[in-house]
């Protein structure tokens, strides 16, 4: 018996994804297109000016109204 079909979507509705680099991988773009929670960017992922805007633009290719959270703790 596998998990309930809606369980993944329910979990992803409350837990925004994150990735380790300055450029979101394709799986992250696909995920924001399928799930409403959004995506988290960490300050340690960004190494130069403009990367936050570029990363957000990449995520918006998956869903134009994606919620992007920023965690600036080091």
Foldseek 3Di string as FASTA:
>chain_A
DDDDPCPVQVVLQADAAEDQALADDPVNLQSVLPHQNAHEYELNRDDDPPSVVVNVVSSCVSPVPGDYHYHYDD
